[in-house]
Amino acid sequence: MKAVISVTGCDAVGIIAKISAVCAECSVNIVDISQTVLQKYFSMIMLVEIDSINVPFADFVDRMSDLGKANQLEIHTMHEDIFNAMHRI
């Protein structure tokens, strides 16, 4: 199973490293990543594999959200099933 993580906020050094560290701690594998900086604004979407996650998914979502708050970022983590349901025609 997969999840989608979206990140937005002002650009700063280490954003990807901090998010990747939480993924690694939770045994979440980064499958694909797309990021860009528009002037001073950072935007990223990650596709992660959660088959081997070692914490409840809800706890992982909370950890990502807390990381965002601590770094003045908006981090949203959504299970692939929810993401697909929201974007189905």
Protein backbone atom coordinates (compact mmCIF):
# COMPACT_ATOMS: atom_id res chain seq x y z
CA MET A 1 0.00 0.00 0.00
CA LYS A 2 1.02 3.56 -0.60
CA ALA A 3 0.43 7.05 0.79
CA VAL A 4 0.83 10.53 -0.62
CA ILE A 5 2.66 13.21 1.38
CA SER A 6 2.35 16.83 0.30
CA VAL A 7 4.50 19.60 1.72
CA THR A 8 4.24 23.36 1.20
CA GLY A 9 5.84 26.35 2.88
CA CYS A 10 8.75 28.73 2.73
CA ASP A 11 11.97 27.17 1.48
CA ALA A 12 14.63 26.28 4.04
CA VAL A 13 17.66 24.02 4.24
CA GLY A 14 16.91 20.44 5.31
CA ILE A 15 13.19 20.07 4.60
CA ILE A 16 13.60 16.88 2.57
CA ALA A 17 16.13 15.51 5.05
CA LYS A 18 13.78 16.00 8.02
CA ILE A 19 10.83 14.38 6.25
CA SER A 20 13.00 11.52 4.97
CA ALA A 21 14.32 10.92 8.50
CA VAL A 22 10.79 10.45 9.89
CA CYS A 23 9.99 8.10 7.00
CA ALA A 24 13.11 6.05 7.74
CA GLU A 25 12.34 5.90 11.49
CA CYS A 26 8.88 4.53 10.68
CA SER A 27 10.10 2.09 7.97
CA VAL A 28 8.26 4.02 5.28
CA ASN A 29 9.94 3.75 1.88
CA ILE A 30 10.03 6.75 -0.45
CA VAL A 31 9.00 5.50 -3.91
CA ASP A 32 8.86 8.78 -5.83
CA ILE A 33 9.43 12.43 -5.05
CA SER A 34 8.79 15.66 -6.89
CA GLN A 35 9.80 18.99 -5.44
CA THR A 36 10.23 22.51 -6.64
CA VAL A 37 11.03 25.94 -5.29
CA LEU A 38 9.09 28.88 -6.74
CA GLN A 39 10.91 32.02 -5.63
CA LYS A 40 10.91 31.46 -1.85
CA TYR A 41 8.13 28.85 -1.73
CA PHE A 42 8.82 25.11 -1.38
CA SER A 43 6.42 22.50 -2.72
CA MET A 44 6.84 18.72 -2.65
CA ILE A 45 4.80 15.60 -3.28
CA MET A 46 6.09 12.22 -2.18
CA LEU A 47 4.70 8.79 -2.92
CA VAL A 48 5.65 6.42 -0.12
CA GLU A 49 5.20 2.71 0.44
CA ILE A 50 3.69 1.85 3.82
CA ASP A 51 3.67 -1.97 3.65
CA SER A 52 6.43 -2.22 6.28
CA ILE A 53 5.41 0.75 8.46
CA ASN A 54 6.29 0.05 12.11
CA VAL A 55 3.80 2.46 13.72
CA PRO A 56 0.05 2.84 13.25
CA PHE A 57 -0.64 4.88 10.10
CA ALA A 58 -2.55 7.50 12.14
CA ASP A 59 0.55 8.01 14.32
CA PHE A 60 2.68 8.48 11.21
CA VAL A 61 0.20 11.09 9.92
CA ASP A 62 0.39 12.90 13.27
CA ARG A 63 4.20 12.80 13.30
CA MET A 64 4.31 14.34 9.84
CA SER A 65 1.80 17.01 10.81
CA ASP A 66 3.76 17.82 13.98
CA LEU A 67 6.98 18.03 11.95
CA GLY A 68 5.27 20.52 9.67
CA LYS A 69 4.06 22.67 12.55
CA ALA A 70 7.53 22.69 14.11
CA ASN A 71 9.05 23.86 10.81
CA GLN A 72 6.35 26.29 9.61
CA LEU A 73 5.26 23.87 6.85
CA GLU A 74 1.97 22.34 5.85
CA ILE A 75 2.46 18.57 5.66
CA HIS A 76 -0.51 16.42 4.69
CA THR A 77 -0.28 12.63 4.59
CA MET A 78 -3.06 10.73 2.87
CA HIS A 79 -3.55 7.00 2.37
CA GLU A 80 -3.56 6.06 -1.32
CA ASP A 81 -7.14 4.70 -1.09
CA ILE A 82 -8.46 8.06 0.19
CA PHE A 83 -6.42 9.98 -2.40
CA ASN A 84 -7.79 7.81 -5.22
CA ALA A 85 -11.36 8.09 -3.96
CA MET A 86 -11.12 11.87 -3.84
CA HIS A 87 -9.82 12.09 -7.42
CA ARG A 88 -12.11 9.56 -9.08
CA ILE A 89 -14.37 10.92 -11.80
